[in-house]
């Protein structure tokens, strides 16, 4: 019984160069708009996201001999 071949396959099971180019084109047509849509979505979301808060907080306490400074350090 002879094994049926797909139209783009050669006798030894390898794909022809034309079929390889066609498959890359098909992939680009299929996934290209989806990838562009995801990238556009990230860009739009980036426009509305606030920057993160600072990692270091500085508290103003007055002079080093004051009560607030002594309470905060100890």
N, C-alpha and C. Protein backbone atom coordinates (compact mmCIF):
# COMPACT_ATOMS: atom_id res chain seq x y z
N UNK A 1 0.84 -1.17 0.00
CA UNK A 1 0.00 0.00 0.00
C UNK A 1 0.89 1.23 0.00
N UNK A 2 0.60 2.15 -0.87
CA UNK A 2 1.42 3.34 -1.02
C UNK A 2 0.95 4.42 -0.05
N UNK A 3 1.90 5.03 0.61
CA UNK A 3 1.61 6.08 1.57
C UNK A 3 1.24 7.36 0.82
N UNK A 4 0.14 8.01 1.22
CA UNK A 4 -0.26 9.23 0.53
C UNK A 4 0.60 10.39 1.01
N UNK A 5 0.97 11.26 0.08
CA UNK A 5 1.82 12.39 0.39
C UNK A 5 1.01 13.67 0.33
N UNK A 6 1.38 14.59 1.18
CA UNK A 6 0.78 15.92 1.12
C UNK A 6 1.31 16.60 -0.13
N UNK A 7 0.62 17.59 -0.68
CA UNK A 7 1.06 18.22 -1.92
C UNK A 7 2.43 18.90 -1.83
N UNK A 8 2.84 19.32 -0.63
CA UNK A 8 4.11 20.03 -0.50
C UNK A 8 5.26 19.10 -0.12
N UNK A 9 5.02 17.81 0.05
CA UNK A 9 6.08 16.88 0.42
C UNK A 9 6.68 16.22 -0.81
N UNK A 10 7.98 15.96 -0.73
CA UNK A 10 8.65 15.21 -1.78
C UNK A 10 8.57 13.73 -1.45
N UNK A 11 9.07 12.91 -2.32
CA UNK A 11 8.99 11.46 -2.13
C UNK A 11 9.72 11.00 -0.86
N UNK A 12 10.82 11.64 -0.50
CA UNK A 12 11.58 11.19 0.67
C UNK A 12 11.05 11.81 1.97
N UNK A 13 9.97 12.54 1.92
CA UNK A 13 9.37 13.10 3.12
C UNK A 13 9.82 14.52 3.43
N UNK A 14 10.79 15.04 2.70
CA UNK A 14 11.28 16.41 2.94
C UNK A 14 10.34 17.40 2.28
N UNK A 15 10.32 18.59 2.81
CA UNK A 15 9.49 19.65 2.22
C UNK A 15 10.28 20.36 1.13
N UNK A 16 9.60 20.79 0.10
CA UNK A 16 10.27 21.54 -0.95
C UNK A 16 10.57 22.95 -0.45
N UNK A 17 11.50 23.64 -1.11
CA UNK A 17 11.87 25.00 -0.71
C UNK A 17 10.67 25.93 -0.86
N UNK A 18 9.89 25.74 -1.88
CA UNK A 18 8.72 26.58 -2.10
C UNK A 18 7.72 26.41 -0.96
N UNK A 19 7.52 25.18 -0.51
CA UNK A 19 6.59 24.93 0.59
C UNK A 19 7.10 25.54 1.88
N UNK A 20 8.41 25.51 2.08
CA UNK A 20 8.98 26.11 3.28
C UNK A 20 8.74 27.61 3.30
N UNK A 21 8.93 28.28 2.16
CA UNK A 21 8.66 29.72 2.07
C UNK A 21 7.17 29.99 2.28
N UNK A 22 6.37 29.13 1.72
CA UNK A 22 4.93 29.30 1.85
C UNK A 22 4.51 29.16 3.31
N UNK A 23 5.10 28.23 4.02
CA UNK A 23 4.70 28.03 5.40
C UNK A 23 5.11 29.22 6.27
N UNK A 24 6.29 29.82 6.02
CA UNK A 24 6.68 31.00 6.78
C UNK A 24 5.73 32.16 6.48
N UNK A 25 5.32 32.28 5.23
CA UNK A 25 4.38 33.33 4.86
C UNK A 25 3.04 33.08 5.55
N UNK A 26 2.59 31.84 5.57
CA UNK A 26 1.34 31.52 6.24
C UNK A 26 1.42 31.81 7.74
N UNK A 27 2.55 31.48 8.35
CA UNK A 27 2.72 31.78 9.77
C UNK A 27 2.68 33.28 10.02
N UNK A 28 3.33 34.05 9.17
CA UNK A 28 3.33 35.50 9.32
C UNK A 28 1.93 36.08 9.15
N UNK A 29 1.20 35.57 8.19
CA UNK A 29 -0.16 36.05 7.97
C UNK A 29 -1.07 35.66 9.14
N UNK A 30 -0.84 34.48 9.68
CA UNK A 30 -1.68 33.99 10.77
C UNK A 30 -1.37 34.69 12.09
N UNK A 31 -0.09 34.72 12.45
CA UNK A 31 0.28 35.22 13.77
C UNK A 31 0.71 36.69 13.78
N UNK A 32 0.99 37.26 12.63
CA UNK A 32 1.43 38.65 12.56
C UNK A 32 0.45 39.63 13.19
N UNK A 33 -0.83 39.61 12.76
CA UNK A 33 -1.79 40.54 13.37
C UNK A 33 -1.96 40.32 14.88
N UNK A 34 -1.92 39.08 15.31
CA UNK A 34 -2.06 38.81 16.74
C UNK A 34 -0.88 39.38 17.52
N UNK A 35 0.32 39.22 17.00
CA UNK A 35 1.50 39.76 17.67
C UNK A 35 1.45 41.28 17.70
N UNK A 36 1.05 41.89 16.59
CA UNK A 36 0.91 43.36 16.57
C UNK A 36 -0.16 43.83 17.55
N UNK A 37 -1.24 43.10 17.67
CA UNK A 37 -2.30 43.45 18.61
C UNK A 37 -1.81 43.37 20.05
N UNK A 38 -1.04 42.35 20.38
CA UNK A 38 -0.48 42.22 21.72
C UNK A 38 0.48 43.36 22.02
N UNK A 39 1.35 43.68 21.07
CA UNK A 39 2.29 44.78 21.25
C UNK A 39 1.54 46.10 21.44
N UNK A 40 0.51 46.34 20.64
CA UNK A 40 -0.29 47.56 20.79
C UNK A 40 -0.99 47.60 22.14
N UNK A 41 -1.45 46.46 22.61
CA UNK A 41 -2.09 46.39 23.93
C UNK A 41 -1.14 46.74 25.06
N UNK A 42 0.09 46.22 24.97
CA UNK A 42 1.09 46.57 25.99
C UNK A 42 1.42 48.06 25.93
N UNK A 43 1.50 48.62 24.73
CA UNK A 43 1.81 50.05 24.61
C UNK A 43 0.69 50.90 25.21
N UNK A 44 -0.56 50.56 24.93
CA UNK A 44 -1.69 51.31 25.49
C UNK A 44 -1.72 51.18 27.01
N UNK A 45 -1.50 49.99 27.52
CA UNK A 45 -1.48 49.80 28.97
C UNK A 45 -0.35 50.59 29.61
N UNK A 46 0.79 50.67 28.94
CA UNK A 46 1.94 51.41 29.47
C UNK A 46 1.61 52.90 29.60
N UNK A 47 0.74 53.41 28.75
CA UNK A 47 0.37 54.82 28.81
C UNK A 47 -0.42 55.16 30.07
N UNK A 48 -1.10 54.17 30.65
CA UNK A 48 -1.96 54.42 31.81
C UNK A 48 -1.37 53.93 33.13
N UNK A 49 -0.24 53.28 33.11
CA UNK A 49 0.36 52.76 34.34
C UNK A 49 1.21 53.85 34.98
N UNK A 50 0.98 54.07 36.26
CA UNK A 50 1.74 55.08 36.99
C UNK A 50 3.13 54.52 37.32
N UNK A 51 4.12 55.39 37.45
CA UNK A 51 5.44 54.90 37.82
C UNK A 51 5.43 54.32 39.23
N UNK A 52 6.31 53.39 39.51
CA UNK A 52 6.32 52.79 40.85
C UNK A 52 6.78 53.80 41.90
N UNK A 53 6.39 53.58 43.15
CA UNK A 53 6.83 54.49 44.21
C UNK A 53 8.34 54.35 44.43
N UNK A 54 8.96 55.35 45.03
CA UNK A 54 10.40 55.26 45.28
C UNK A 54 10.72 54.13 46.25
N UNK A 55 11.90 53.55 46.12
CA UNK A 55 12.30 52.44 46.98
C UNK A 55 12.83 52.93 48.33
N UNK A 56 13.19 54.20 48.39
CA UNK A 56 13.76 54.75 49.62
C UNK A 56 12.88 55.91 50.09
N UNK A 57 12.49 55.88 51.36
CA UNK A 57 11.68 56.95 51.93
C UNK A 57 12.53 57.72 52.93
N UNK A 58 12.53 59.02 52.79
CA UNK A 58 13.29 59.88 53.70
C UNK A 58 12.30 60.64 54.57
N UNK A 59 12.48 60.51 55.89
CA UNK A 59 11.61 61.19 56.84
C UNK A 59 12.39 62.35 57.44
N UNK A 60 11.80 63.52 57.36
CA UNK A 60 12.43 64.70 57.95
C UNK A 60 12.11 64.72 59.44
N UNK A 61 13.14 64.78 60.28
CA UNK A 61 12.91 64.68 61.72
C UNK A 61 13.38 65.90 62.50
N UNK A 62 13.95 66.85 61.87
CA UNK A 62 14.44 68.01 62.62
C UNK A 62 15.87 67.79 63.09
N UNK A 63 16.22 68.38 64.19
CA UNK A 63 17.61 68.28 64.67
C UNK A 63 17.86 66.95 65.37
N UNK A 64 19.12 66.60 65.50
CA UNK A 64 19.49 65.32 66.13
C UNK A 64 19.30 65.35 67.64
N UNK A 65 19.09 66.49 68.22
CA UNK A 65 18.89 66.57 69.68
C UNK A 65 17.41 66.58 70.03
N UNK A 66 16.54 66.57 69.06
CA UNK A 66 15.10 66.63 69.32
C UNK A 66 14.52 65.29 69.75
N UNK A 67 13.32 65.35 70.34
CA UNK A 67 12.65 64.15 70.85
C UNK A 67 12.21 63.24 69.69
N UNK A 68 11.71 63.81 68.63
CA UNK A 68 11.25 63.01 67.49
C UNK A 68 12.39 62.20 66.89
N UNK A 69 13.56 62.79 66.76
CA UNK A 69 14.73 62.09 66.22
C UNK A 69 15.12 60.94 67.13
N UNK A 70 15.14 61.20 68.45
CA UNK A 70 15.53 60.15 69.40
C UNK A 70 14.52 58.99 69.38
N UNK A 71 13.25 59.30 69.23
CA UNK A 71 12.21 58.26 69.20
C UNK A 71 12.32 57.43 67.91
N UNK A 72 12.58 58.10 66.82
CA UNK A 72 12.63 57.43 65.51
C UNK A 72 13.87 56.55 65.37
N UNK A 73 14.99 56.95 65.91
CA UNK A 73 16.22 56.18 65.79
C UNK A 73 16.22 54.98 66.73
N UNK A 74 15.66 55.10 67.86
CA UNK A 74 15.71 53.99 68.84
C UNK A 74 14.60 53.02 68.69
